[in-house]
Every structure is written in structure tokens, then in C-alpha cells.
Amino acid sequence: MRKRILLIVGIALLCAIGWGFHLYFKTRPDIGSMKASVSLTAISLYTQYQKDETAANTLFLEKVIAVDGEVLDVTKTDSTLSIQLKGGDNGGINCSIRNIPNTIPKKGSRVTIKGKCSGFLMDVNLVDCVMEKP
């Protein structure tokens, strides 16, 4: 009886470790090769989330969207680039780019960025972004 319990616990532990390795080494989708489900301005996207977050989540959450807007701020770290697009008086669109492009946009310039919408937390957040038009 005791051996059977140890065997079941051991198998469950190996399955959990295997699943953890699978999730850790899982590749992220290439947004650059995906087609955007919708294309809109940063102001329009931010306004829709300000008016009704639930309805906007239905339209945009976890979908690839292309956003055109004016650059407010650019923050570069070792491995990521964060671009803030003007969306309204109180917030904007935060775009996280993992692979830093050769051309980093300047404040005040207009860019088009494609990324996956991950929701609204004071700003609309786009992840796994790529620069469509610098």
C-alpha cells in the first residue's frame, strides 16, 4: 500500500515537472507574421476602454491589433523597449517590444505598432509588439 502511494506521488511529481518545463520553454507567437484583427488610432482605443472596459475587452482582449498614435515616451531596458502612445488626458497605450528595433522612435513622432492587447490598467497594454511603421 505504501509503495503504491509513493509511486502515485512520484508520477504526479514527474508530470508536474514536465509541465513546468513545457511552459518554461514554450515559444511565444510571432506577432509580426500575424494579421491584425483591427486597426485603429491610440486615442480611439483608449476612449473605448474609458467608456466601457467590459465591451472593449470583448472587442480587443487577447487579439492582435494595430495602433497608430503619437509617441509620448520611450523607455529602453536591456531586453525590452516600452513605448507610450498618447491616448487621452489621463493615460495612453503602453506598448512592450521584446526585440528592440533598429530605429527607436522619437517623442512626438507618429508610429504604427502591432501587438496583443492584454487589458486596461490606467493605460491600455499591448504586449509582444512589433513596429509596423516607425
C-alpha atoms as a PDB file:
ATOM      1  CA  MET A   1       0.000   0.000   0.000  1.00  0.00           C
ATOM      2  CA  ARG A   2       2.773   2.400   0.932  1.00  0.00           C
ATOM      3  CA  LYS A   3       4.696   1.644  -2.294  1.00  0.00           C
ATOM      4  CA  ARG A   4       1.597   2.359  -4.356  1.00  0.00           C
ATOM      5  CA  ILE A   5       1.125   5.771  -2.733  1.00  0.00           C
ATOM      6  CA  LEU A   6       4.804   6.634  -3.269  1.00  0.00           C
ATOM      7  CA  LEU A   7       4.522   5.544  -6.915  1.00  0.00           C
ATOM      8  CA  ILE A   8       1.441   7.717  -7.490  1.00  0.00           C
ATOM      9  CA  VAL A   9       3.067  10.725  -5.797  1.00  0.00           C
ATOM     10  CA  GLY A  10       6.256  10.176  -7.831  1.00  0.00           C
ATOM     11  CA  ILE A  11       4.335  10.016 -11.119  1.00  0.00           C
ATOM     12  CA  ALA A  12       2.363  13.144 -10.217  1.00  0.00           C
ATOM     13  CA  LEU A  13       5.595  14.957  -9.337  1.00  0.00           C
ATOM     14  CA  LEU A  14       7.227  13.953 -12.647  1.00  0.00           C
ATOM     15  CA  CYS A  15       4.136  15.135 -14.546  1.00  0.00           C
ATOM     16  CA  ALA A  16       4.234  18.493 -12.737  1.00  0.00           C
ATOM     17  CA  ILE A  17       7.939  18.921 -13.501  1.00  0.00           C
ATOM     18  CA  GLY A  18       7.364  18.005 -17.151  1.00  0.00           C
ATOM     19  CA  TRP A  19       4.504  20.505 -17.445  1.00  0.00           C
ATOM     20  CA  GLY A  20       6.668  23.198 -15.838  1.00  0.00           C
ATOM     21  CA  PHE A  21       9.451  22.611 -18.381  1.00  0.00           C
ATOM     22  CA  HIS A  22       6.903  22.720 -21.193  1.00  0.00           C
ATOM     23  CA  LEU A  23       5.583  26.109 -20.046  1.00  0.00           C
ATOM     24  CA  TYR A  24       9.065  27.495 -19.407  1.00  0.00           C
ATOM     25  CA  PHE A  25      10.432  26.633 -22.865  1.00  0.00           C
ATOM     26  CA  LYS A  26       7.215  27.373 -24.770  1.00  0.00           C
ATOM     27  CA  THR A  27       7.870  29.822 -27.603  1.00  0.00           C
ATOM     28  CA  ARG A  28       5.832  32.998 -27.884  1.00  0.00           C
ATOM     29  CA  PRO A  29       3.867  33.669 -31.068  1.00  0.00           C
ATOM     30  CA  ASP A  30       5.443  35.860 -33.743  1.00  0.00           C
ATOM     31  CA  ILE A  31       3.079  38.845 -33.854  1.00  0.00           C
ATOM     32  CA  GLY A  32       4.927  40.256 -36.876  1.00  0.00           C
ATOM     33  CA  SER A  33       3.677  37.437 -39.099  1.00  0.00           C
ATOM     34  CA  MET A  34       0.102  37.589 -37.764  1.00  0.00           C
ATOM     35  CA  LYS A  35      -2.587  39.756 -39.333  1.00  0.00           C
ATOM     36  CA  ALA A  36      -4.133  42.411 -37.094  1.00  0.00           C
ATOM     37  CA  SER A  37      -7.809  41.773 -36.394  1.00  0.00           C
ATOM     38  CA  VAL A  38      -8.462  45.520 -36.176  1.00  0.00           C
ATOM     39  CA  SER A  39      -6.564  48.725 -36.899  1.00  0.00           C
ATOM     40  CA  LEU A  40      -7.350  51.961 -35.048  1.00  0.00           C
ATOM     41  CA  THR A  41      -5.858  55.091 -33.516  1.00  0.00           C
ATOM     42  CA  ALA A  42      -4.463  55.187 -29.993  1.00  0.00           C
ATOM     43  CA  ILE A  43      -6.992  57.850 -28.989  1.00  0.00           C
ATOM     44  CA  SER A  44      -9.894  55.715 -30.254  1.00  0.00           C
ATOM     45  CA  LEU A  45      -8.658  52.604 -28.416  1.00  0.00           C
ATOM     46  CA  TYR A  46      -8.130  54.476 -25.147  1.00  0.00           C
ATOM     47  CA  THR A  47     -11.538  56.194 -25.432  1.00  0.00           C
ATOM     48  CA  GLN A  48     -13.312  52.863 -25.935  1.00  0.00           C
ATOM     49  CA  TYR A  49     -11.660  51.449 -22.807  1.00  0.00           C
ATOM     50  CA  GLN A  50     -12.519  54.618 -20.836  1.00  0.00           C
ATOM     51  CA  LYS A  51     -16.204  54.448 -21.836  1.00  0.00           C
ATOM     52  CA  ASP A  52     -16.829  50.732 -21.263  1.00  0.00           C
ATOM     53  CA  GLU A  53     -13.984  48.420 -20.266  1.00  0.00           C
ATOM     54  CA  THR A  54     -16.098  45.257 -20.467  1.00  0.00           C
ATOM     55  CA  ALA A  55     -17.257  45.966 -24.012  1.00  0.00           C
ATOM     56  CA  ALA A  56     -13.733  46.937 -25.076  1.00  0.00           C
ATOM     57  CA  ASN A  57     -12.352  43.703 -23.589  1.00  0.00           C
ATOM     58  CA  THR A  58     -14.850  41.773 -25.695  1.00  0.00           C
ATOM     59  CA  LEU A  59     -13.562  43.521 -28.819  1.00  0.00           C
ATOM     60  CA  PHE A  60      -9.807  43.659 -28.167  1.00  0.00           C
ATOM     61  CA  LEU A  61      -8.606  41.442 -25.291  1.00  0.00           C
ATOM     62  CA  GLU A  62      -6.067  38.775 -26.377  1.00  0.00           C
ATOM     63  CA  LYS A  63      -6.405  39.863 -30.019  1.00  0.00           C
ATOM     64  CA  VAL A  64      -3.704  41.249 -32.283  1.00  0.00           C
ATOM     65  CA  ILE A  65      -4.417  44.900 -33.063  1.00  0.00           C
ATOM     66  CA  ALA A  66      -2.575  47.653 -34.938  1.00  0.00           C
ATOM     67  CA  VAL A  67      -2.493  51.033 -33.204  1.00  0.00           C
ATOM     68  CA  ASP A  68      -1.450  54.331 -34.774  1.00  0.00           C
ATOM     69  CA  GLY A  69      -0.518  57.215 -32.491  1.00  0.00           C
ATOM     70  CA  GLU A  70       1.852  59.890 -31.255  1.00  0.00           C
ATOM     71  CA  VAL A  71       4.808  58.813 -29.103  1.00  0.00           C
ATOM     72  CA  LEU A  72       4.735  60.357 -25.612  1.00  0.00           C
ATOM     73  CA  ASP A  73       7.619  58.469 -24.030  1.00  0.00           C
ATOM     74  CA  VAL A  74      10.192  55.798 -24.878  1.00  0.00           C
ATOM     75  CA  THR A  75      11.889  53.689 -22.188  1.00  0.00           C
ATOM     76  CA  LYS A  76      14.649  51.248 -23.089  1.00  0.00           C
ATOM     77  CA  THR A  77      15.970  48.495 -20.811  1.00  0.00           C
ATOM     78  CA  ASP A  78      18.466  45.720 -21.555  1.00  0.00           C
ATOM     79  CA  SER A  79      15.960  43.482 -23.301  1.00  0.00           C
ATOM     80  CA  THR A  80      12.783  45.497 -23.883  1.00  0.00           C
ATOM     81  CA  LEU A  81      11.533  48.751 -25.288  1.00  0.00           C
ATOM     82  CA  SER A  82       8.424  50.382 -23.840  1.00  0.00           C
ATOM     83  CA  ILE A  83       6.648  52.969 -25.974  1.00  0.00           C
ATOM     84  CA  GLN A  84       3.863  55.119 -24.536  1.00  0.00           C
ATOM     85  CA  LEU A  85       1.354  56.380 -27.127  1.00  0.00           C
ATOM     86  CA  LYS A  86      -0.931  59.352 -26.467  1.00  0.00           C
ATOM     87  CA  GLY A  87      -4.445  58.097 -25.802  1.00  0.00           C
ATOM     88  CA  GLY A  88      -6.083  60.783 -23.716  1.00  0.00           C
ATOM     89  CA  ASP A  89      -5.531  63.339 -20.984  1.00  0.00           C
ATOM     90  CA  ASN A  90      -5.237  60.749 -18.203  1.00  0.00           C
ATOM     91  CA  GLY A  91      -3.461  57.876 -19.936  1.00  0.00           C
ATOM     92  CA  GLY A  92      -2.461  56.179 -23.114  1.00  0.00           C
ATOM     93  CA  ILE A  93      -1.336  52.986 -24.765  1.00  0.00           C
ATOM     94  CA  ASN A  94       1.672  51.153 -23.293  1.00  0.00           C
ATOM     95  CA  CYS A  95       3.442  49.012 -25.928  1.00  0.00           C
ATOM     96  CA  SER A  96       6.093  46.488 -24.830  1.00  0.00           C
ATOM     97  CA  ILE A  97       8.541  45.376 -27.521  1.00  0.00           C
ATOM     98  CA  ARG A  98      10.878  42.460 -26.707  1.00  0.00           C
ATOM     99  CA  ASN A  99      13.076  42.609 -29.794  1.00  0.00           C
ATOM    100  CA  ILE A 100      14.358  46.163 -29.895  1.00  0.00           C
ATOM    101  CA  PRO A 101      14.100  47.528 -33.454  1.00  0.00           C
ATOM    102  CA  ASN A 102      16.990  49.279 -35.213  1.00  0.00           C
ATOM    103  CA  THR A 103      15.053  52.544 -35.334  1.00  0.00           C
ATOM    104  CA  ILE A 104      13.808  53.794 -31.983  1.00  0.00           C
ATOM    105  CA  PRO A 105      11.049  56.398 -32.425  1.00  0.00           C
ATOM    106  CA  LYS A 106      11.466  59.882 -31.005  1.00  0.00           C
ATOM    107  CA  LYS A 107       8.983  61.664 -28.756  1.00  0.00           C
ATOM    108  CA  GLY A 108       6.318  63.430 -30.793  1.00  0.00           C
ATOM    109  CA  SER A 109       6.658  61.190 -33.858  1.00  0.00           C
ATOM    110  CA  ARG A 110       3.779  59.095 -35.237  1.00  0.00           C
ATOM    111  CA  VAL A 111       4.147  55.328 -35.279  1.00  0.00           C
ATOM    112  CA  THR A 112       2.040  52.272 -36.008  1.00  0.00           C
ATOM    113  CA  ILE A 113       2.556  49.388 -33.597  1.00  0.00           C
ATOM    114  CA  LYS A 114       1.026  45.919 -33.793  1.00  0.00           C
ATOM    115  CA  GLY A 115       0.635  43.879 -30.613  1.00  0.00           C
ATOM    116  CA  LYS A 116      -1.622  41.690 -28.498  1.00  0.00           C
ATOM    117  CA  CYS A 117      -3.978  43.579 -26.184  1.00  0.00           C
ATOM    118  CA  SER A 118      -3.633  42.421 -22.584  1.00  0.00           C
ATOM    119  CA  GLY A 119      -6.166  44.735 -20.967  1.00  0.00           C
ATOM    120  CA  PHE A 120      -6.549  48.040 -19.174  1.00  0.00           C
ATOM    121  CA  LEU A 121      -4.710  49.175 -16.028  1.00  0.00           C
ATOM    122  CA  MET A 122      -4.771  53.001 -16.154  1.00  0.00           C
ATOM    123  CA  ASP A 123      -3.280  52.528 -19.650  1.00  0.00           C
ATOM    124  CA  VAL A 124      -4.218  50.065 -22.375  1.00  0.00           C
ATOM    125  CA  ASN A 125      -1.435  47.478 -22.515  1.00  0.00           C
ATOM    126  CA  LEU A 126      -0.120  45.831 -25.673  1.00  0.00           C
ATOM    127  CA  VAL A 127       2.434  43.018 -25.367  1.00  0.00           C
ATOM    128  CA  ASP A 128       4.707  41.206 -27.841  1.00  0.00           C
ATOM    129  CA  CYS A 129       4.600  44.301 -30.039  1.00  0.00           C
ATOM    130  CA  VAL A 130       6.359  44.958 -33.333  1.00  0.00           C
ATOM    131  CA  MET A 131       6.875  48.276 -35.103  1.00  0.00           C
ATOM    132  CA  GLU A 132       4.790  48.414 -38.258  1.00  0.00           C
ATOM    133  CA  LYS A 133       5.692  51.965 -39.263  1.00  0.00           C
ATOM    134  CA  PRO A 134       8.401  53.857 -37.362  1.00  0.00           C
END
